[in-house]
Amino acid sequence: MERNILDHLPKNERPLVKRRLRAAWAKPTVAEAKADLDALTRSLARKRPGAAASLREGLDQTLTVTRLGVTGTLLRTVASTNPMESLIEIVRDHARRVRHWSSGDMALR
């Protein structure tokens, strides 16, 4: 999510927006985090509508871990796409080694 938003910004604006995003996501309550993210969205909408749209699109999803009260190591794990990307790469590696698919359905699975 963060990367999607930052990709819409010039390099010199990224550090400030990144700090504001992370500060909002670190808020203890969903209401506080949402208020900060809404303010950021409004400020981006004027000059950077693509970044604002990206933030608006995933706003509720980014607050899911806050809503659930996830903390500590589990929060670091679920807040990152690395575990999912690692799993996808493992599946690709194993699927690449298959030499004989018994049917087209098997290949799709």
PDB file of N, CA and C in Angstrom:
ATOM      1  N   MET A   1       0.815  -1.182   0.000  1.00  0.00           N
ATOM      2  CA  MET A   1       0.000   0.000   0.000  1.00  0.00           C
ATOM      3  C   MET A   1       0.862   1.250   0.000  1.00  0.00           C
ATOM      4  N   GLU A   2       1.829   1.282   0.906  1.00  0.00           N
ATOM      5  CA  GLU A   2       2.707   2.444   1.004  1.00  0.00           C
ATOM      6  C   GLU A   2       3.424   2.687  -0.323  1.00  0.00           C
ATOM      7  N   ARG A   3       3.950   1.632  -0.880  1.00  0.00           N
ATOM      8  CA  ARG A   3       4.678   1.744  -2.150  1.00  0.00           C
ATOM      9  C   ARG A   3       3.767   2.257  -3.259  1.00  0.00           C
ATOM     10  N   ASN A   4       2.534   1.782  -3.304  1.00  0.00           N
ATOM     11  CA  ASN A   4       1.587   2.235  -4.327  1.00  0.00           C
ATOM     12  C   ASN A   4       1.354   3.745  -4.236  1.00  0.00           C
ATOM     13  N   ILE A   5       1.229   4.241  -3.033  1.00  0.00           N
ATOM     14  CA  ILE A   5       1.001   5.672  -2.840  1.00  0.00           C
ATOM     15  C   ILE A   5       2.246   6.472  -3.211  1.00  0.00           C
ATOM     16  N   LEU A   6       3.394   6.024  -2.703  1.00  0.00           N
ATOM     17  CA  LEU A   6       4.636   6.757  -2.935  1.00  0.00           C
ATOM     18  C   LEU A   6       5.046   6.765  -4.406  1.00  0.00           C
ATOM     19  N   ASP A   7       4.677   5.747  -5.143  1.00  0.00           N
ATOM     20  CA  ASP A   7       5.009   5.695  -6.570  1.00  0.00           C
ATOM     21  C   ASP A   7       4.333   6.811  -7.366  1.00  0.00           C
ATOM     22  N   HIS A   8       3.285   7.384  -6.837  1.00  0.00           N
ATOM     23  CA  HIS A   8       2.568   8.481  -7.505  1.00  0.00           C
ATOM     24  C   HIS A   8       3.184   9.851  -7.204  1.00  0.00           C
ATOM     25  N   LEU A   9       4.218   9.864  -6.384  1.00  0.00           N
ATOM     26  CA  LEU A   9       4.798  11.126  -5.932  1.00  0.00           C
ATOM     27  C   LEU A   9       6.199  11.350  -6.495  1.00  0.00           C
ATOM     28  N   PRO A  10       6.593  12.612  -6.648  1.00  0.00           N
ATOM     29  CA  PRO A  10       7.991  12.889  -6.994  1.00  0.00           C
ATOM     30  C   PRO A  10       8.892  12.478  -5.827  1.00  0.00           C
ATOM     31  N   LYS A  11      10.122  12.148  -6.121  1.00  0.00           N
ATOM     32  CA  LYS A  11      11.043  11.639  -5.087  1.00  0.00           C
ATOM     33  C   LYS A  11      11.204  12.589  -3.907  1.00  0.00           C
ATOM     34  N   ASN A  12      11.197  13.889  -4.151  1.00  0.00           N
ATOM     35  CA  ASN A  12      11.422  14.828  -3.048  1.00  0.00           C
ATOM     36  C   ASN A  12      10.232  14.917  -2.088  1.00  0.00           C
ATOM     37  N   GLU A  13       9.053  14.475  -2.495  1.00  0.00           N
ATOM     38  CA  GLU A  13       7.866  14.505  -1.617  1.00  0.00           C
ATOM     39  C   GLU A  13       7.656  13.191  -0.860  1.00  0.00           C
ATOM     40  N   ARG A  14       8.326  12.155  -1.261  1.00  0.00           N
ATOM     41  CA  ARG A  14       8.092  10.830  -0.672  1.00  0.00           C
ATOM     42  C   ARG A  14       8.419  10.729   0.812  1.00  0.00           C
ATOM     43  N   PRO A  15       9.558  11.261   1.286  1.00  0.00           N
ATOM     44  CA  PRO A  15       9.869  11.090   2.723  1.00  0.00           C
ATOM     45  C   PRO A  15       8.807  11.678   3.653  1.00  0.00           C
ATOM     46  N   LEU A  16       8.293  12.867   3.349  1.00  0.00           N
ATOM     47  CA  LEU A  16       7.273  13.478   4.200  1.00  0.00           C
ATOM     48  C   LEU A  16       5.989  12.658   4.212  1.00  0.00           C
ATOM     49  N   VAL A  17       5.535  12.241   3.042  1.00  0.00           N
ATOM     50  CA  VAL A  17       4.303  11.448   2.960  1.00  0.00           C
ATOM     51  C   VAL A  17       4.500  10.095   3.653  1.00  0.00           C
ATOM     52  N   LYS A  18       5.661   9.509   3.481  1.00  0.00           N
ATOM     53  CA  LYS A  18       5.958   8.227   4.137  1.00  0.00           C
ATOM     54  C   LYS A  18       5.885   8.374   5.659  1.00  0.00           C
ATOM     55  N   ARG A  19       6.473   9.459   6.188  1.00  0.00           N
ATOM     56  CA  ARG A  19       6.410   9.698   7.635  1.00  0.00           C
ATOM     57  C   ARG A  19       4.970   9.891   8.102  1.00  0.00           C
ATOM     58  N   ARG A  20       4.192  10.633   7.326  1.00  0.00           N
ATOM     59  CA  ARG A  20       2.794  10.874   7.707  1.00  0.00           C
ATOM     60  C   ARG A  20       1.978   9.583   7.667  1.00  0.00           C
ATOM     61  N   LEU A  21       2.216   8.743   6.662  1.00  0.00           N
ATOM     62  CA  LEU A  21       1.518   7.454   6.576  1.00  0.00           C
ATOM     63  C   LEU A  21       1.851   6.585   7.787  1.00  0.00           C
ATOM     64  N   ARG A  22       3.132   6.448   8.060  1.00  0.00           N
ATOM     65  CA  ARG A  22       3.551   5.580   9.168  1.00  0.00           C
ATOM     66  C   ARG A  22       3.088   6.105  10.522  1.00  0.00           C
ATOM     67  N   ALA A  23       3.081   7.422  10.673  1.00  0.00           N
ATOM     68  CA  ALA A  23       2.585   8.014  11.919  1.00  0.00           C
ATOM     69  C   ALA A  23       1.097   7.725  12.089  1.00  0.00           C
ATOM     70  N   ALA A  24       0.356   7.825  11.004  1.00  0.00           N
ATOM     71  CA  ALA A  24      -1.088   7.537  11.078  1.00  0.00           C
ATOM     72  C   ALA A  24      -1.318   6.068  11.406  1.00  0.00           C
ATOM     73  N   TRP A  25      -0.593   5.176  10.738  1.00  0.00           N
ATOM     74  CA  TRP A  25      -0.776   3.747  10.985  1.00  0.00           C
ATOM     75  C   TRP A  25      -0.338   3.349  12.388  1.00  0.00           C
ATOM     76  N   ALA A  26       0.497   4.147  13.031  1.00  0.00           N
ATOM     77  CA  ALA A  26       0.962   3.837  14.387  1.00  0.00           C
ATOM     78  C   ALA A  26      -0.009   4.317  15.467  1.00  0.00           C
ATOM     79  N   LYS A  27      -1.031   5.039  15.081  1.00  0.00           N
ATOM     80  CA  LYS A  27      -2.010   5.534  16.055  1.00  0.00           C
ATOM     81  C   LYS A  27      -2.684   4.360  16.762  1.00  0.00           C
ATOM     82  N   PRO A  28      -3.006   4.529  18.039  1.00  0.00           N
ATOM     83  CA  PRO A  28      -3.586   3.413  18.806  1.00  0.00           C
ATOM     84  C   PRO A  28      -5.036   3.077  18.461  1.00  0.00           C
ATOM     85  N   THR A  29      -5.780   4.040  17.913  1.00  0.00           N
ATOM     86  CA  THR A  29      -7.187   3.758  17.591  1.00  0.00           C
ATOM     87  C   THR A  29      -7.445   3.969  16.108  1.00  0.00           C
ATOM     88  N   VAL A  30      -8.444   3.274  15.621  1.00  0.00           N
ATOM     89  CA  VAL A  30      -8.832   3.390  14.221  1.00  0.00           C
ATOM     90  C   VAL A  30      -9.311   4.803  13.911  1.00  0.00           C
ATOM     91  N   ALA A  31     -10.048   5.408  14.822  1.00  0.00           N
ATOM     92  CA  ALA A  31     -10.584   6.757  14.592  1.00  0.00           C
ATOM     93  C   ALA A  31      -9.451   7.772  14.399  1.00  0.00           C
ATOM     94  N   GLU A  32      -8.430   7.696  15.242  1.00  0.00           N
ATOM     95  CA  GLU A  32      -7.293   8.615  15.110  1.00  0.00           C
ATOM     96  C   GLU A  32      -6.534   8.379  13.805  1.00  0.00           C
ATOM     97  N   ALA A  33      -6.299   7.122  13.501  1.00  0.00           N
ATOM     98  CA  ALA A  33      -5.573   6.785  12.272  1.00  0.00           C
ATOM     99  C   ALA A  33      -6.361   7.231  11.048  1.00  0.00           C
ATOM    100  N   LYS A  34      -7.654   6.978  11.056  1.00  0.00           N
ATOM    101  CA  LYS A  34      -8.496   7.358   9.911  1.00  0.00           C
ATOM    102  C   LYS A  34      -8.531   8.866   9.744  1.00  0.00           C
ATOM    103  N   ALA A  35      -8.602   9.606  10.833  1.00  0.00           N
ATOM    104  CA  ALA A  35      -8.612  11.071  10.766  1.00  0.00           C
ATOM    105  C   ALA A  35      -7.316  11.585  10.132  1.00  0.00           C
ATOM    106  N   ASP A  36      -6.184  11.025  10.548  1.00  0.00           N
ATOM    107  CA  ASP A  36      -4.892  11.439   9.978  1.00  0.00           C
ATOM    108  C   ASP A  36      -4.790  11.069   8.500  1.00  0.00           C
ATOM    109  N   LEU A  37      -5.251   9.873   8.150  1.00  0.00           N
ATOM    110  CA  LEU A  37      -5.188   9.441   6.754  1.00  0.00           C
ATOM    111  C   LEU A  37      -6.151  10.243   5.876  1.00  0.00           C
ATOM    112  N   ASP A  38      -7.300  10.591   6.407  1.00  0.00           N
ATOM    113  CA  ASP A  38      -8.240  11.439   5.665  1.00  0.00           C
ATOM    114  C   ASP A  38      -7.627  12.817   5.408  1.00  0.00           C
ATOM    115  N   ALA A  39      -6.949  13.366   6.424  1.00  0.00           N
ATOM    116  CA  ALA A  39      -6.291  14.671   6.261  1.00  0.00           C
ATOM    117  C   ALA A  39      -5.187  14.586   5.208  1.00  0.00           C
ATOM    118  N   LEU A  40      -4.435  13.509   5.232  1.00  0.00           N
ATOM    119  CA  LEU A  40      -3.382  13.315   4.233  1.00  0.00           C
ATOM    120  C   LEU A  40      -3.990  13.187   2.838  1.00  0.00           C
ATOM    121  N   THR A  41      -5.077  12.459   2.734  1.00  0.00           N
ATOM    122  CA  THR A  41      -5.752  12.297   1.439  1.00  0.00           C
ATOM    123  C   THR A  41      -6.209  13.651   0.897  1.00  0.00           C
ATOM    124  N   ARG A  42      -6.795  14.472   1.761  1.00  0.00           N
ATOM    125  CA  ARG A  42      -7.248  15.803   1.328  1.00  0.00           C
ATOM    126  C   ARG A  42      -6.080  16.667   0.864  1.00  0.00           C
ATOM    127  N   SER A  43      -4.958  16.606   1.593  1.00  0.00           N
ATOM    128  CA  SER A  43      -3.814  17.431   1.203  1.00  0.00           C
ATOM    129  C   SER A  43      -3.179  16.937  -0.104  1.00  0.00           C
ATOM    130  N   LEU A  44      -3.203  15.631  -0.330  1.00  0.00           N
ATOM    131  CA  LEU A  44      -2.648  15.085  -1.576  1.00  0.00           C
ATOM    132  C   LEU A  44      -3.570  15.331  -2.769  1.00  0.00           C
ATOM    133  N   ALA A  45      -4.859  15.387  -2.530  1.00  0.00           N
ATOM    134  CA  ALA A  45      -5.840  15.496  -3.618  1.00  0.00           C
ATOM    135  C   ALA A  45      -5.622  16.734  -4.482  1.00  0.00           C
ATOM    136  N   ARG A  46      -5.137  17.790  -3.902  1.00  0.00           N
ATOM    137  CA  ARG A  46      -4.939  19.037  -4.659  1.00  0.00           C
ATOM    138  C   ARG A  46      -3.846  18.907  -5.706  1.00  0.00           C
ATOM    139  N   LYS A  47      -2.664  18.452  -5.280  1.00  0.00           N
ATOM    140  CA  LYS A  47      -1.511  18.406  -6.192  1.00  0.00           C
ATOM    141  C   LYS A  47      -1.229  17.027  -6.757  1.00  0.00           C
ATOM    142  N   ARG A  48      -1.554  16.000  -6.009  1.00  0.00           N
ATOM    143  CA  ARG A  48      -1.227  14.622  -6.405  1.00  0.00           C
ATOM    144  C   ARG A  48      -2.463  13.732  -6.345  1.00  0.00           C
ATOM    145  N   PRO A  49      -3.392  13.907  -7.282  1.00  0.00           N
ATOM    146  CA  PRO A  49      -4.643  13.145  -7.233  1.00  0.00           C
ATOM    147  C   PRO A  49      -4.440  11.635  -7.365  1.00  0.00           C
ATOM    148  N   GLY A  50      -3.407  11.196  -8.063  1.00  0.00           N
ATOM    149  CA  GLY A  50      -3.154   9.757  -8.186  1.00  0.00           C
ATOM    150  C   GLY A  50      -2.799   9.130  -6.849  1.00  0.00           C
ATOM    151  N   ALA A  51      -1.953   9.814  -6.079  1.00  0.00           N
ATOM    152  CA  ALA A  51      -1.578   9.317  -4.751  1.00  0.00           C
ATOM    153  C   ALA A  51      -2.783   9.338  -3.814  1.00  0.00           C
ATOM    154  N   ALA A  52      -3.574  10.398  -3.908  1.00  0.00           N
ATOM    155  CA  ALA A  52      -4.773  10.499  -3.059  1.00  0.00           C
ATOM    156  C   ALA A  52      -5.755   9.379  -3.383  1.00  0.00           C
ATOM    157  N   ALA A  53      -5.938   9.103  -4.672  1.00  0.00           N
ATOM    158  CA  ALA A  53      -6.855   8.032  -5.077  1.00  0.00           C
ATOM    159  C   ALA A  53      -6.366   6.677  -4.583  1.00  0.00           C
ATOM    160  N   SER A  54      -5.053   6.454  -4.657  1.00  0.00           N
ATOM    161  CA  SER A  54      -4.485   5.189  -4.191  1.00  0.00           C
ATOM    162  C   SER A  54      -4.691   5.018  -2.691  1.00  0.00           C
ATOM    163  N   LEU A  55      -4.486   6.088  -1.946  1.00  0.00           N
ATOM    164  CA  LEU A  55      -4.701   6.038  -0.501  1.00  0.00           C
ATOM    165  C   LEU A  55      -6.171   5.820  -0.174  1.00  0.00           C
ATOM    166  N   ARG A  56      -7.036   6.542  -0.852  1.00  0.00           N
ATOM    167  CA  ARG A  56      -8.484   6.416  -0.626  1.00  0.00           C
ATOM    168  C   ARG A  56      -8.962   4.987  -0.922  1.00  0.00           C
ATOM    169  N   GLU A  57      -8.420   4.406  -1.982  1.00  0.00           N
ATOM    170  CA  GLU A  57      -8.842   3.063  -2.400  1.00  0.00           C
ATOM    171  C   GLU A  57      -8.563   2.003  -1.347  1.00  0.00           C
ATOM    172  N   GLY A  58      -7.426   2.080  -0.678  1.00  0.00           N
ATOM    173  CA  GLY A  58      -7.067   1.048   0.290  1.00  0.00           C
ATOM    174  C   GLY A  58      -7.186   1.476   1.731  1.00  0.00           C
ATOM    175  N   LEU A  59      -7.862   2.580   1.979  1.00  0.00           N
ATOM    176  CA  LEU A  59      -7.916   3.158   3.328  1.00  0.00           C
ATOM    177  C   LEU A  59      -8.434   2.174   4.373  1.00  0.00           C
ATOM    178  N   ASP A  60      -9.578   1.568   4.140  1.00  0.00           N
ATOM    179  CA  ASP A  60     -10.151   0.655   5.137  1.00  0.00           C
ATOM    180  C   ASP A  60      -9.288  -0.582   5.354  1.00  0.00           C
ATOM    181  N   GLN A  61      -8.687  -1.098   4.276  1.00  0.00           N
ATOM    182  CA  GLN A  61      -7.853  -2.288   4.405  1.00  0.00           C
ATOM    183  C   GLN A  61      -6.605  -2.008   5.235  1.00  0.00           C
ATOM    184  N   THR A  62      -6.050  -0.787   5.103  1.00  0.00           N
ATOM    185  CA  THR A  62      -4.826  -0.487   5.842  1.00  0.00           C
ATOM    186  C   THR A  62      -5.066  -0.397   7.342  1.00  0.00           C
ATOM    187  N   LEU A  63      -6.305  -0.204   7.732  1.00  0.00           N
ATOM    188  CA  LEU A  63      -6.614  -0.079   9.159  1.00  0.00           C
ATOM    189  C   LEU A  63      -7.096  -1.383   9.782  1.00  0.00           C
ATOM    190  N   THR A  64      -7.116  -2.444   9.018  1.00  0.00           N
ATOM    191  CA  THR A  64      -7.618  -3.724   9.515  1.00  0.00           C
ATOM    192  C   THR A  64      -6.828  -4.228  10.711  1.00  0.00           C
ATOM    193  N   VAL A  65      -5.482  -4.179  10.654  1.00  0.00           N
ATOM    194  CA  VAL A  65      -4.689  -4.686  11.778  1.00  0.00           C
ATOM    195  C   VAL A  65      -4.895  -3.833  13.024  1.00  0.00           C
ATOM    196  N   THR A  66      -5.105  -2.531  12.855  1.00  0.00           N
ATOM    197  CA  THR A  66      -5.396  -1.665  14.001  1.00  0.00           C
ATOM    198  C   THR A  66      -6.751  -2.037  14.590  1.00  0.00           C
ATOM    199  N   ARG A  67      -7.713  -2.253  13.700  1.00  0.00           N
ATOM    200  CA  ARG A  67      -9.073  -2.611  14.122  1.00  0.00           C
ATOM    201  C   ARG A  67      -9.064  -3.935  14.898  1.00  0.00           C
ATOM    202  N   LEU A  68      -8.217  -4.863  14.485  1.00  0.00           N
ATOM    203  CA  LEU A  68      -8.155  -6.173  15.131  1.00  0.00           C
ATOM    204  C   LEU A  68      -7.299  -6.174  16.393  1.00  0.00           C
ATOM    205  N   GLY A  69      -6.543  -5.116  16.610  1.00  0.00           N
ATOM    206  CA  GLY A  69      -5.691  -5.040  17.798  1.00  0.00           C
ATOM    207  C   GLY A  69      -4.426  -5.872  17.685  1.00  0.00           C
ATOM    208  N   VAL A  70      -3.962  -6.111  16.472  1.00  0.00           N
ATOM    209  CA  VAL A  70      -2.745  -6.908  16.258  1.00  0.00           C
ATOM    210  C   VAL A  70      -1.535  -6.071  16.663  1.00  0.00           C
ATOM    211  N   THR A  71      -0.616  -6.680  17.436  1.00  0.00           N
ATOM    212  CA  THR A  71       0.579  -5.965  17.892  1.00  0.00           C
ATOM    213  C   THR A  71       1.809  -6.864  17.798  1.00  0.00           C
ATOM    214  N   GLY A  72       2.950  -6.310  18.085  1.00  0.00           N
ATOM    215  CA  GLY A  72       4.193  -7.065  18.202  1.00  0.00           C
ATOM    216  C   GLY A  72       4.671  -7.704  16.914  1.00  0.00           C
ATOM    217  N   THR A  73       5.214  -8.901  17.052  1.00  0.00           N
ATOM    218  CA  THR A  73       5.790  -9.627  15.928  1.00  0.00           C
ATOM    219  C   THR A  73       4.747  -9.948  14.871  1.00  0.00           C
ATOM    220  N   LEU A  74       3.568 -10.313  15.302  1.00  0.00           N
ATOM    221  CA  LEU A  74       2.503 -10.616  14.339  1.00  0.00           C
ATOM    222  C   LEU A  74       2.176  -9.390  13.499  1.00  0.00           C
ATOM    223  N   LEU A  75       2.164  -8.219  14.105  1.00  0.00           N
ATOM    224  CA  LEU A  75       1.904  -6.979  13.361  1.00  0.00           C
ATOM    225  C   LEU A  75       2.973  -6.758  12.302  1.00  0.00           C
ATOM    226  N   ARG A  76       4.238  -6.943  12.661  1.00  0.00           N
ATOM    227  CA  ARG A  76       5.324  -6.770  11.683  1.00  0.00           C
ATOM    228  C   ARG A  76       5.190  -7.764  10.538  1.00  0.00           C
ATOM    229  N   THR A  77       4.729  -8.963  10.840  1.00  0.00           N
ATOM    230  CA  THR A  77       4.583  -9.980   9.798  1.00  0.00           C
ATOM    231  C   THR A  77       3.437  -9.660   8.852  1.00  0.00           C
ATOM    232  N   VAL A  78       2.281  -9.337   9.391  1.00  0.00           N
ATOM    233  CA  VAL A  78       1.120  -9.093   8.523  1.00  0.00           C
ATOM    234  C   VAL A  78       1.152  -7.725   7.860  1.00  0.00           C
ATOM    235  N   ALA A  79       1.937  -6.798   8.390  1.00  0.00           N
ATOM    236  CA  ALA A  79       2.037  -5.467   7.790  1.00  0.00           C
ATOM    237  C   ALA A  79       2.952  -5.463   6.567  1.00  0.00           C
ATOM    238  N   SER A  80       3.638  -6.558   6.344  1.00  0.00           N
ATOM    239  CA  SER A  80       4.571  -6.648   5.227  1.00  0.00           C
ATOM    240  C   SER A  80       4.049  -7.626   4.182  1.00  0.00           C
ATOM    241  N   THR A  81       4.388  -7.381   2.935  1.00  0.00           N
ATOM    242  CA  THR A  81       4.012  -8.322   1.880  1.00  0.00           C
ATOM    243  C   THR A  81       5.073  -9.402   1.706  1.00  0.00           C
ATOM    244  N   ASN A  82       6.178  -9.310   2.441  1.00  0.00           N
ATOM    245  CA  ASN A  82       7.274 -10.265   2.264  1.00  0.00           C
ATOM    246  C   ASN A  82       6.868 -11.723   2.467  1.00  0.00           C
ATOM    247  N   PRO A  83       6.099 -12.069   3.510  1.00  0.00           N
ATOM    248  CA  PRO A  83       5.720 -13.480   3.666  1.00  0.00           C
ATOM    249  C   PRO A  83       4.926 -14.010   2.467  1.00  0.00           C
ATOM    250  N   MET A  84       3.998 -13.204   1.946  1.00  0.00           N
ATOM    251  CA  MET A  84       3.193 -13.633   0.804  1.00  0.00           C
ATOM    252  C   MET A  84       4.054 -13.737  -0.452  1.00  0.00           C
ATOM    253  N   GLU A  85       4.929 -12.749  -0.664  1.00  0.00           N
ATOM    254  CA  GLU A  85       5.801 -12.792  -1.834  1.00  0.00           C
ATOM    255  C   GLU A  85       6.730 -14.005  -1.776  1.00  0.00           C
ATOM    256  N   SER A  86       7.198 -14.338  -0.578  1.00  0.00           N
ATOM    257  CA  SER A  86       8.061 -15.499  -0.403  1.00  0.00           C
ATOM    258  C   SER A  86       7.301 -16.780  -0.745  1.00  0.00           C
ATOM    259  N   LEU A  87       6.065 -16.884  -0.272  1.00  0.00           N
ATOM    260  CA  LEU A  87       5.251 -18.061  -0.566  1.00  0.00           C
ATOM    261  C   LEU A  87       4.997 -18.191  -2.066  1.00  0.00           C
ATOM    262  N   ILE A  88       4.680 -17.087  -2.718  1.00  0.00           N
ATOM    263  CA  ILE A  88       4.428 -17.112  -4.162  1.00  0.00           C
ATOM    264  C   ILE A  88       5.677 -17.575  -4.907  1.00  0.00           C
ATOM    265  N   GLU A  89       6.838 -17.082  -4.493  1.00  0.00           N
ATOM    266  CA  GLU A  89       8.089 -17.478  -5.149  1.00  0.00           C
ATOM    267  C   GLU A  89       8.370 -18.969  -4.953  1.00  0.00           C
ATOM    268  N   ILE A  90       8.079 -19.516  -3.789  1.00  0.00           N
ATOM    269  CA  ILE A  90       8.274 -20.946  -3.532  1.00  0.00           C
ATOM    270  C   ILE A  90       7.370 -21.771  -4.449  1.00  0.00           C
ATOM    271  N   VAL A  91       6.111 -21.363  -4.568  1.00  0.00           N
ATOM    272  CA  VAL A  91       5.171 -22.080  -5.441  1.00  0.00           C
ATOM    273  C   VAL A  91       5.632 -22.004  -6.890  1.00  0.00           C
ATOM    274  N   ARG A  92       6.061 -20.827  -7.328  1.00  0.00           N
ATOM    275  CA  ARG A  92       6.571 -20.695  -8.706  1.00  0.00           C
ATOM    276  C   ARG A  92       7.756 -21.615  -8.951  1.00  0.00           C
ATOM    277  N   ASP A  93       8.666 -21.674  -7.980  1.00  0.00           N
ATOM    278  CA  ASP A  93       9.849 -22.516  -8.126  1.00  0.00           C
ATOM    279  C   ASP A  93       9.458 -23.985  -8.260  1.00  0.00           C
ATOM    280  N   HIS A  94       8.531 -24.448  -7.430  1.00  0.00           N
ATOM    281  CA  HIS A  94       8.108 -25.847  -7.498  1.00  0.00           C
ATOM    282  C   HIS A  94       7.321 -26.125  -8.773  1.00  0.00           C
ATOM    283  N   ALA A  95       6.459 -25.212  -9.156  1.00  0.00           N
ATOM    284  CA  ALA A  95       5.648 -25.413 -10.364  1.00  0.00           C
ATOM    285  C   ALA A  95       6.528 -25.414 -11.610  1.00  0.00           C
ATOM    286  N   ARG A  96       7.588 -24.657 -11.589  1.00  0.00           N
ATOM    287  CA  ARG A  96       8.492 -24.588 -12.728  1.00  0.00           C
ATOM    288  C   ARG A  96       9.186 -25.934 -12.965  1.00  0.00           C
ATOM    289  N   ARG A  97       9.366 -26.689 -11.894  1.00  0.00           N
ATOM    290  CA  ARG A  97      10.057 -27.979 -12.004  1.00  0.00           C
ATOM    291  C   ARG A  97       9.171 -29.118 -12.501  1.00  0.00           C
ATOM    292  N   VAL A  98       7.863 -28.916 -12.513  1.00  0.00           N
ATOM    293  CA  VAL A  98       6.964 -29.973 -12.969  1.00  0.00           C
ATOM    294  C   VAL A  98       7.126 -30.139 -14.479  1.00  0.00           C
ATOM    295  N   ARG A  99       7.409 -31.357 -14.914  1.00  0.00           N
ATOM    296  CA  ARG A  99       7.658 -31.614 -16.331  1.00  0.00           C
ATOM    297  C   ARG A  99       6.448 -32.204 -17.051  1.00  0.00           C
ATOM    298  N   HIS A 100       5.561 -32.835 -16.289  1.00  0.00           N
ATOM    299  CA  HIS A 100       4.428 -33.489 -16.929  1.00  0.00           C
ATOM    300  C   HIS A 100       3.150 -33.147 -16.162  1.00  0.00           C
ATOM    301  N   TRP A 101       2.344 -32.292 -16.739  1.00  0.00           N
ATOM    302  CA  TRP A 101       1.054 -31.975 -16.151  1.00  0.00           C
ATOM    303  C   TRP A 101       0.060 -33.007 -16.671  1.00  0.00           C
ATOM    304  N   SER A 102      -0.710 -33.606 -15.797  1.00  0.00           N
ATOM    305  CA  SER A 102      -1.641 -34.651 -16.227  1.00  0.00           C
ATOM    306  C   SER A 102      -2.834 -34.081 -16.987  1.00  0.00           C
ATOM    307  N   SER A 103      -3.150 -32.806 -16.766  1.00  0.00           N
ATOM    308  CA  SER A 103      -4.263 -32.172 -17.495  1.00  0.00           C
ATOM    309  C   SER A 103      -4.106 -30.655 -17.417  1.00  0.00           C
ATOM    310  N   GLY A 104      -4.886 -29.979 -18.236  1.00  0.00           N
ATOM    311  CA  GLY A 104      -4.876 -28.522 -18.200  1.00  0.00           C
ATOM    312  C   GLY A 104      -5.358 -27.977 -16.869  1.00  0.00           C
ATOM    313  N   ASP A 105      -6.322 -28.698 -16.263  1.00  0.00           N
ATOM    314  CA  ASP A 105      -6.822 -28.268 -14.946  1.00  0.00           C
ATOM    315  C   ASP A 105      -5.713 -28.299 -13.896  1.00  0.00           C
ATOM    316  N   MET A 106      -4.863 -29.300 -13.967  1.00  0.00           N
ATOM    317  CA  MET A 106      -3.772 -29.416 -13.006  1.00  0.00           C
ATOM    318  C   MET A 106      -2.823 -28.227 -13.152  1.00  0.00           C
ATOM    319  N   ALA A 107      -2.538 -27.827 -14.368  1.00  0.00           N
ATOM    320  CA  ALA A 107      -1.639 -26.699 -14.603  1.00  0.00           C
ATOM    321  C   ALA A 107      -2.234 -25.405 -14.048  1.00  0.00           C
ATOM    322  N   LEU A 108      -3.550 -25.235 -14.163  1.00  0.00           N
ATOM    323  CA  LEU A 108      -4.196 -24.040 -13.643  1.00  0.00           C
ATOM    324  C   LEU A 108      -4.169 -23.987 -12.129  1.00  0.00           C
ATOM    325  N   ARG A 109      -4.258 -25.145 -11.482  1.00  0.00           N
ATOM    326  CA  ARG A 109      -4.222 -25.178 -10.021  1.00  0.00           C
ATOM    327  C   ARG A 109      -2.882 -24.740  -9.551  1.00  0.00           C
TER     328      ARG A 109
END
